[in-house]
Amino acid sequence: TDEARPERVTRQVNRALCRHTPTDRFVTFFYATIDTGTGTLTCSNAGHNPPILIHADGSVSRPTTGGMVLGILDSNTYSQAELPLRSGDRLLLFTDGITEAGSHEGREFGDDRFLELVQAHRHLSASELLDAVFRQVSAFTAGRFADDATLIAMAIK
């Protein structure tokens, strides 16, 4: 329905947060719907890390549309993107605790390293991909995460 359109939901959540969030706080947010009939992901992103859609051939799509973080300005508007999902694709949603995870030398795991890791393991099932990523990031940080490290993986059939 029109009520569940990602751009609309994001705008409504922003307005609610603006009414109930202290001015020194904000929220990053990603909202998506998947139409299994058409194989389409429709999403809106409010300052969150753009998800990674790895195609079976290794190519990457990253929906970057949306808008600024939530809870700052109640008049903000948000856009949405539509991405086709194909069999063999892997969709990864993640927090910056993954890409900003630090090593004992003070280096970040980084978006490029994360993307290379996901591309190299794109043939794995969703749960195997999660395990592979967490093993690598945990090894990089010597098991010490300074921030929440959340990762969701979906395998498209």
Protein backbone atom coordinates (compact mmCIF):
# COMPACT_ATOMS: atom_id res chain seq x y z
CA THR A 1 0.00 0.00 0.00
CA ASP A 2 0.93 3.64 -0.32
CA GLU A 3 1.16 3.87 3.49
CA ALA A 4 4.12 1.44 3.52
CA ARG A 5 6.15 3.16 0.77
CA PRO A 6 9.68 3.55 2.15
CA GLU A 7 9.88 7.29 1.45
CA ARG A 8 6.59 7.85 3.29
CA VAL A 9 7.48 5.63 6.28
CA THR A 10 10.86 7.36 6.60
CA ARG A 11 9.23 10.79 6.54
CA GLN A 12 6.67 9.75 9.20
CA VAL A 13 9.31 8.24 11.49
CA ASN A 14 11.37 11.42 11.12
CA ARG A 15 8.43 13.61 12.15
CA ALA A 16 7.72 11.41 15.18
CA LEU A 17 11.36 11.48 16.25
CA CYS A 18 11.54 15.27 15.85
CA ARG A 19 8.66 15.59 18.33
CA HIS A 20 10.18 13.18 20.88
CA THR A 21 13.97 13.33 20.52
CA PRO A 22 16.30 15.79 22.25
CA THR A 23 17.89 18.26 19.83
CA ASP A 24 21.36 16.80 20.38
CA ARG A 25 20.27 13.32 19.25
CA PHE A 26 19.60 11.80 15.85
CA VAL A 27 18.91 8.39 14.32
CA THR A 28 20.19 6.72 11.17
CA PHE A 29 17.52 4.64 9.51
CA PHE A 30 17.07 2.27 6.60
CA TYR A 31 13.68 0.92 5.56
CA ALA A 32 12.90 -1.41 2.67
CA THR A 33 10.14 -3.51 1.22
CA ILE A 34 10.61 -6.46 -1.06
CA ASP A 35 8.00 -7.33 -3.68
CA THR A 36 8.50 -11.05 -4.18
CA GLY A 37 6.20 -11.00 -7.20
CA THR A 38 8.31 -8.56 -9.18
CA GLY A 39 11.62 -9.26 -7.42
CA THR A 40 12.06 -5.60 -6.49
CA LEU A 41 13.62 -4.03 -3.41
CA THR A 42 12.26 -0.54 -2.70
CA CYS A 43 14.13 1.39 -0.02
CA SER A 44 14.79 4.71 1.64
CA ASN A 45 17.91 5.55 3.58
CA ALA A 46 18.23 8.29 6.21
CA GLY A 47 21.93 8.67 6.88
CA HIS A 48 22.59 4.95 7.38
CA ASN A 49 25.31 2.95 5.67
CA PRO A 50 24.00 2.11 2.20
CA PRO A 51 23.33 -1.61 1.96
CA ILE A 52 25.29 -3.78 -0.42
CA LEU A 53 23.58 -5.81 -3.10
CA ILE A 54 26.14 -8.23 -4.53
CA HIS A 55 25.03 -9.87 -7.74
CA ALA A 56 26.01 -13.44 -8.59
CA ASP A 57 28.47 -12.09 -11.19
CA GLY A 58 30.24 -9.99 -8.52
CA SER A 59 28.87 -6.62 -9.60
CA VAL A 60 27.55 -4.36 -6.85
CA SER A 61 24.54 -2.07 -6.42
CA ARG A 62 24.32 0.34 -3.48
CA PRO A 63 21.14 2.37 -3.12
CA THR A 64 22.18 5.77 -1.83
CA THR A 65 18.89 7.64 -2.14
CA GLY A 66 17.03 8.81 0.91
CA GLY A 67 18.02 11.84 2.92
CA MET A 68 19.61 13.11 6.09
CA VAL A 69 19.46 11.42 9.50
CA LEU A 70 16.17 11.39 11.40
CA GLY A 71 15.17 13.57 14.31
CA ILE A 72 16.78 16.85 13.23
CA LEU A 73 14.32 18.71 10.98
CA ASP A 74 10.67 17.65 10.79
CA SER A 75 10.19 19.12 7.30
CA ASN A 76 12.79 16.82 5.73
CA THR A 77 11.66 14.81 2.75
CA TYR A 78 13.10 11.48 1.70
CA SER A 79 13.40 9.70 -1.62
CA GLN A 80 13.40 6.02 -2.41
CA ALA A 81 15.18 3.70 -4.81
CA GLU A 82 14.09 0.53 -6.53
CA LEU A 83 16.55 -2.26 -7.23
CA PRO A 84 15.85 -5.47 -9.11
CA LEU A 85 16.72 -8.63 -7.17
CA ARG A 86 17.96 -11.64 -9.10
CA SER A 87 18.52 -15.24 -8.13
CA GLY A 88 21.96 -15.62 -6.61
CA ASP A 89 22.13 -12.05 -5.28
CA ARG A 90 23.16 -11.35 -1.68
CA LEU A 91 21.78 -8.34 0.18
CA LEU A 92 23.75 -7.08 3.18
CA LEU A 93 22.57 -4.51 5.70
CA PHE A 94 25.10 -3.41 8.29
CA THR A 95 25.99 -0.85 10.91
CA ASP A 96 29.13 1.26 10.92
CA GLY A 97 30.46 -0.95 13.73
CA ILE A 98 31.49 -3.34 10.94
CA THR A 99 33.23 -0.90 8.60
CA GLU A 100 34.65 1.31 11.37
CA ALA A 101 35.93 -1.62 13.44
CA GLY A 102 39.50 -0.82 14.41
CA SER A 103 42.69 -2.80 14.62
CA HIS A 104 45.21 -2.47 17.42
CA GLU A 105 47.27 -0.27 15.02
CA GLY A 106 44.36 2.19 14.79
CA ARG A 107 43.31 1.28 11.23
CA GLU A 108 39.64 0.84 10.30
CA PHE A 109 38.34 -2.30 8.62
CA GLY A 110 36.84 0.05 6.05
CA ASP A 111 34.16 -0.04 3.41
CA ASP A 112 36.51 -1.18 0.62
CA ARG A 113 37.85 -4.14 2.62
CA PHE A 114 34.28 -5.06 3.62
CA LEU A 115 33.11 -4.92 0.01
CA GLU A 116 36.03 -7.08 -1.18
CA LEU A 117 35.29 -9.62 1.55
CA VAL A 118 31.62 -9.83 0.65
CA GLN A 119 32.39 -10.13 -3.06
CA ALA A 120 34.88 -12.94 -2.42
CA HIS A 121 32.30 -14.88 -0.39
CA ARG A 122 29.17 -14.07 -2.44
CA HIS A 123 28.66 -17.75 -3.31
CA LEU A 124 28.05 -18.68 0.36
CA SER A 125 24.63 -19.04 1.97
CA ALA A 126 23.43 -16.07 4.01
CA SER A 127 24.40 -17.67 7.33
CA GLU A 128 27.81 -18.78 6.00
CA LEU A 129 28.41 -15.27 4.67
CA LEU A 130 27.61 -13.80 8.10
CA ASP A 131 30.04 -16.22 9.75
CA ALA A 132 32.80 -15.45 7.23
CA VAL A 133 32.43 -11.68 7.65
CA PHE A 134 32.33 -11.80 11.44
CA ARG A 135 35.37 -14.08 11.54
CA GLN A 136 37.38 -11.67 9.38
CA VAL A 137 36.26 -8.50 11.19
CA SER A 138 36.80 -10.12 14.58
CA ALA A 139 40.29 -11.25 13.57
CA PHE A 140 41.05 -7.72 12.34
CA THR A 141 39.97 -6.21 15.68
CA ALA A 142 41.45 -9.01 17.84
CA GLY A 143 37.88 -9.56 19.05
CA ARG A 144 37.47 -6.00 20.37
CA PHE A 145 34.58 -4.04 18.91
CA ALA A 146 34.22 -0.41 20.01
CA ASP A 147 30.71 -0.04 18.59
CA ASP A 148 27.73 -2.23 17.83
CA ALA A 149 28.49 -4.52 14.90
CA THR A 150 25.27 -5.60 13.26
CA LEU A 151 25.04 -7.46 9.98
CA ILE A 152 22.02 -8.91 8.20
CA ALA A 153 22.46 -11.01 5.06
CA MET A 154 19.81 -12.28 2.68
CA ALA A 155 20.29 -14.76 -0.14
CA ILE A 156 17.91 -14.16 -3.03
CA LYS A 157 16.47 -17.35 -4.47
